[in-house]
Amino acid sequence: MRPHRLRSVLISVCATSAVALSGAVPAAAQSPDAPPRTVAGARSLTVLTDLFAERLLVADKVAAAKYGTSTPIDDPVREKAILDDVAARAVGLGLDPAAVTAVFRDQIEANKLVQRALYARWDAHPEERPTERPDLVKEVRPVLDRITTQLLTALADTEPLRAGASCEPRLRLAAIRSTYTHRLDLLHAEGLVRALPSVCGEGA
């Protein structure tokens, strides 16, 4: 995957729709059948990009739970536990554990990208700081755990498509579709780009 190419496309999409600034939803986002036309099979990869987008939106709650506390954004112990877990589960699904680990490592880094940007925004604009602190253990992590399970299933279901030569263009189209569907602003679109590099390829 070439992140710089997709980044420019997604930023253009987000800037045009102005979702973050106006709250307006592009007509294409109002119906799951309305977003841009895609080549055959591209919609199959939206099962991944939709989950990536959903996970990125949860990053806002993660950041709100941690901001102003001693809990750091980087948590190497938990990150290793997650990666070890998905690697073990990948074997049971007939997937390459190293490739699956790479995909989930990208999800973690994408999530942290969003968290860091939110921290910077809240530091600069105190009036935008969250007014409630979600419970990281009871409220947020169960959602992330559910998405992890869904992602593993989706990786297994899309393995032939992801190994094909047309994976990258199909993935780009799927990402644009998910950007519309989930109303991603520029920050979360940037996070989505960061989530994609390891999706395509033999054994991914």
Protein backbone atom coordinates (compact mmCIF):
# COMPACT_ATOMS: atom_id res chain seq x y z
CA MET A 1 0.00 0.00 0.00
CA ARG A 2 1.23 3.52 -0.77
CA PRO A 3 -0.08 5.68 2.07
CA HIS A 4 0.79 9.04 0.49
CA ARG A 5 -1.45 8.35 -2.51
CA LEU A 6 -4.46 7.37 -0.44
CA ARG A 7 -3.84 10.18 2.04
CA SER A 8 -4.26 12.83 -0.64
CA VAL A 9 -7.46 11.21 -1.87
CA LEU A 10 -9.01 10.88 1.59
CA ILE A 11 -8.05 14.40 2.60
CA SER A 12 -9.64 15.70 -0.58
CA VAL A 13 -12.79 13.72 0.14
CA CYS A 14 -12.97 14.99 3.72
CA ALA A 15 -12.24 18.58 2.78
CA THR A 16 -14.94 18.54 0.14
CA SER A 17 -17.58 17.05 2.39
CA ALA A 18 -16.54 19.26 5.36
CA VAL A 19 -17.97 16.69 7.73
CA ALA A 20 -15.85 17.82 10.65
CA LEU A 21 -16.71 21.50 10.31
CA SER A 22 -20.37 21.58 9.37
CA GLY A 23 -21.78 18.28 10.51
CA ALA A 24 -23.28 17.91 7.05
CA VAL A 25 -23.38 14.42 5.67
CA PRO A 26 -22.62 13.94 1.96
CA ALA A 27 -25.56 12.50 0.08
CA ALA A 28 -23.43 9.43 -0.53
CA ALA A 29 -23.14 8.81 3.20
CA GLN A 30 -26.86 8.75 3.82
CA SER A 31 -27.35 5.29 2.39
CA PRO A 32 -25.00 2.31 2.39
CA ASP A 33 -25.84 1.88 -1.30
CA ALA A 34 -25.11 5.47 -2.25
CA PRO A 35 -21.32 6.00 -1.84
CA PRO A 36 -19.04 6.12 -4.87
CA ARG A 37 -19.21 3.29 -7.36
CA THR A 38 -16.61 0.60 -6.81
CA VAL A 39 -15.12 -2.11 -8.92
CA ALA A 40 -16.35 -5.66 -8.36
CA GLY A 41 -15.03 -6.98 -5.07
CA ALA A 42 -14.12 -3.61 -3.57
CA ARG A 43 -17.18 -3.73 -1.37
CA SER A 44 -15.84 -6.96 0.11
CA LEU A 45 -12.89 -5.05 1.56
CA THR A 46 -15.18 -2.50 3.19
CA VAL A 47 -15.78 -5.09 5.89
CA LEU A 48 -12.16 -4.35 6.88
CA THR A 49 -12.09 -0.60 6.30
CA ASP A 50 -15.39 -0.16 8.15
CA LEU A 51 -13.92 -1.96 11.16
CA PHE A 52 -10.73 0.09 10.91
CA ALA A 53 -12.84 3.27 10.88
CA GLU A 54 -14.93 2.07 13.81
CA ARG A 55 -11.78 1.30 15.80
CA LEU A 56 -10.39 4.75 15.02
CA LEU A 57 -13.54 6.43 16.30
CA VAL A 58 -13.16 4.50 19.55
CA ALA A 59 -9.75 6.19 19.85
CA ASP A 60 -11.61 9.34 20.89
CA LYS A 61 -12.95 7.52 23.95
CA VAL A 62 -9.54 6.01 24.67
CA ALA A 63 -8.01 9.49 24.56
CA ALA A 64 -10.78 10.92 26.74
CA ALA A 65 -10.22 8.13 29.28
CA LYS A 66 -6.48 8.76 29.46
CA TYR A 67 -6.20 12.53 29.03
CA GLY A 68 -5.10 14.29 32.18
CA THR A 69 -4.18 11.04 33.94
CA SER A 70 -0.93 9.17 34.43
CA THR A 71 -2.00 6.51 31.91
CA PRO A 72 0.24 6.95 28.84
CA ILE A 73 -0.84 6.73 25.23
CA ASP A 74 1.89 4.18 24.60
CA ASP A 75 1.32 0.95 26.50
CA PRO A 76 3.92 -1.59 25.30
CA VAL A 77 2.77 -4.30 27.71
CA ARG A 78 -0.86 -4.21 26.56
CA GLU A 79 0.16 -3.80 22.92
CA LYS A 80 2.33 -6.91 23.12
CA ALA A 81 -0.51 -8.83 24.78
CA ILE A 82 -2.87 -7.85 21.96
CA LEU A 83 -0.38 -8.79 19.25
CA ASP A 84 0.47 -12.11 20.91
CA ASP A 85 -3.24 -12.88 21.22
CA VAL A 86 -4.10 -12.14 17.58
CA ALA A 87 -1.07 -14.09 16.38
CA ALA A 88 -2.24 -17.16 18.32
CA ARG A 89 -5.80 -16.79 17.08
CA ALA A 90 -4.59 -16.32 13.51
CA VAL A 91 -3.13 -19.82 13.51
CA GLY A 92 -6.55 -21.27 14.33
CA LEU A 93 -8.02 -19.37 11.38
CA GLY A 94 -5.37 -20.63 8.99
CA LEU A 95 -3.77 -17.20 8.66
CA ASP A 96 -0.11 -16.22 8.74
CA PRO A 97 0.41 -14.95 12.31
CA ALA A 98 3.19 -12.57 11.28
CA ALA A 99 0.99 -10.96 8.63
CA VAL A 100 -1.95 -10.66 11.01
CA THR A 101 0.31 -9.15 13.65
CA ALA A 102 1.44 -6.54 11.12
CA VAL A 103 -2.17 -5.58 10.37
CA PHE A 104 -3.00 -5.18 14.04
CA ARG A 105 0.21 -3.29 14.73
CA ASP A 106 -0.96 -0.79 12.11
CA GLN A 107 -4.32 -0.52 13.89
CA ILE A 108 -2.58 0.25 17.17
CA GLU A 109 -0.35 2.89 15.58
CA ALA A 110 -3.32 4.45 13.80
CA ASN A 111 -5.20 4.62 17.08
CA LYS A 112 -2.26 6.30 18.79
CA LEU A 113 -1.96 8.79 15.93
CA VAL A 114 -5.52 9.92 16.63
CA GLN A 115 -4.96 10.01 20.39
CA ARG A 116 -1.84 12.16 20.09
CA ALA A 117 -3.59 14.62 17.79
CA LEU A 118 -6.54 14.88 20.17
CA TYR A 119 -4.19 15.53 23.09
CA ALA A 120 -2.56 18.33 21.12
CA ARG A 121 -5.96 19.78 20.21
CA TRP A 122 -7.17 19.69 23.79
CA ASP A 123 -3.95 21.21 25.09
CA ALA A 124 -4.34 24.09 22.64
CA HIS A 125 -8.11 24.48 23.08
CA PRO A 126 -9.18 23.69 26.65
CA GLU A 127 -12.80 24.44 25.79
CA GLU A 128 -12.80 21.34 23.53
CA ARG A 129 -11.59 18.96 26.24
CA PRO A 130 -13.94 16.06 27.01
CA THR A 131 -16.33 16.69 29.85
CA GLU A 132 -16.70 13.01 30.75
CA ARG A 133 -14.07 10.33 31.31
CA PRO A 134 -15.12 6.92 29.91
CA ASP A 135 -14.15 3.83 31.90
CA LEU A 136 -11.24 2.44 29.92
CA VAL A 137 -11.54 -1.10 31.28
CA LYS A 138 -15.30 -1.57 31.56
CA GLU A 139 -16.54 0.62 28.71
CA VAL A 140 -13.85 1.02 26.06
CA ARG A 141 -11.79 -2.17 25.98
CA PRO A 142 -14.78 -4.50 25.51
CA VAL A 143 -15.60 -2.58 22.32
CA LEU A 144 -12.02 -2.90 21.11
CA ASP A 145 -12.02 -6.61 21.96
CA ARG A 146 -15.21 -7.10 19.94
CA ILE A 147 -13.70 -5.27 16.96
CA THR A 148 -10.56 -7.41 17.25
CA THR A 149 -12.62 -10.59 16.93
CA GLN A 150 -14.53 -9.17 13.97
CA LEU A 151 -11.30 -8.10 12.29
CA LEU A 152 -9.80 -11.55 12.59
CA THR A 153 -12.88 -13.06 10.97
CA ALA A 154 -12.83 -10.43 8.24
CA LEU A 155 -9.14 -11.05 7.53
CA ALA A 156 -9.90 -14.74 7.08
CA ASP A 157 -12.91 -14.04 4.86
CA THR A 158 -11.01 -11.62 2.62
CA GLU A 159 -7.72 -13.52 2.39
CA PRO A 160 -8.02 -14.47 -1.33
CA LEU A 161 -8.95 -10.90 -2.27
CA ARG A 162 -6.15 -9.38 -0.19
CA ALA A 163 -3.59 -11.67 -1.83
CA GLY A 164 -4.69 -10.64 -5.33
CA ALA A 165 -3.02 -8.14 -7.60
CA SER A 166 -6.07 -5.83 -7.46
CA CYS A 167 -6.07 -5.54 -3.68
CA GLU A 168 -4.53 -2.07 -3.46
CA PRO A 169 -6.94 -0.23 -5.77
CA ARG A 170 -9.87 -2.09 -4.23
CA LEU A 171 -8.65 -1.19 -0.76
CA ARG A 172 -8.35 2.48 -1.72
CA LEU A 173 -11.94 2.50 -2.94
CA ALA A 174 -13.13 0.67 0.15
CA ALA A 175 -11.34 3.21 2.37
CA ILE A 176 -12.99 6.11 0.57
CA ARG A 177 -16.37 4.42 0.99
CA SER A 178 -15.75 3.95 4.72
CA THR A 179 -14.66 7.57 5.04
CA TYR A 180 -18.06 8.63 3.76
CA THR A 181 -20.06 6.04 5.65
CA HIS A 182 -18.47 6.80 9.02
CA ARG A 183 -18.28 10.56 8.40
CA LEU A 184 -14.57 10.65 9.16
CA ASP A 185 -12.99 14.05 9.64
CA LEU A 186 -9.48 14.85 8.44
CA LEU A 187 -7.80 13.45 11.55
CA HIS A 188 -9.60 10.14 11.44
CA ALA A 189 -9.10 9.89 7.68
CA GLU A 190 -5.38 10.27 8.34
CA GLY A 191 -5.68 7.52 10.91
CA LEU A 192 -7.43 5.32 8.36
CA VAL A 193 -4.52 5.77 5.97
CA ARG A 194 -2.16 4.69 8.74
CA ALA A 195 -4.27 1.58 9.33
CA LEU A 196 -3.95 0.22 5.77
CA PRO A 197 -0.33 -0.59 4.80
CA SER A 198 -0.28 -4.25 5.83
CA VAL A 199 -3.67 -5.29 4.47
CA CYS A 200 -2.62 -6.35 0.96
CA GLY A 201 -0.06 -8.99 0.13
CA GLU A 202 0.55 -12.69 0.12
CA GLY A 203 -0.22 -14.11 3.54
CA ALA A 204 -1.62 -10.85 4.88
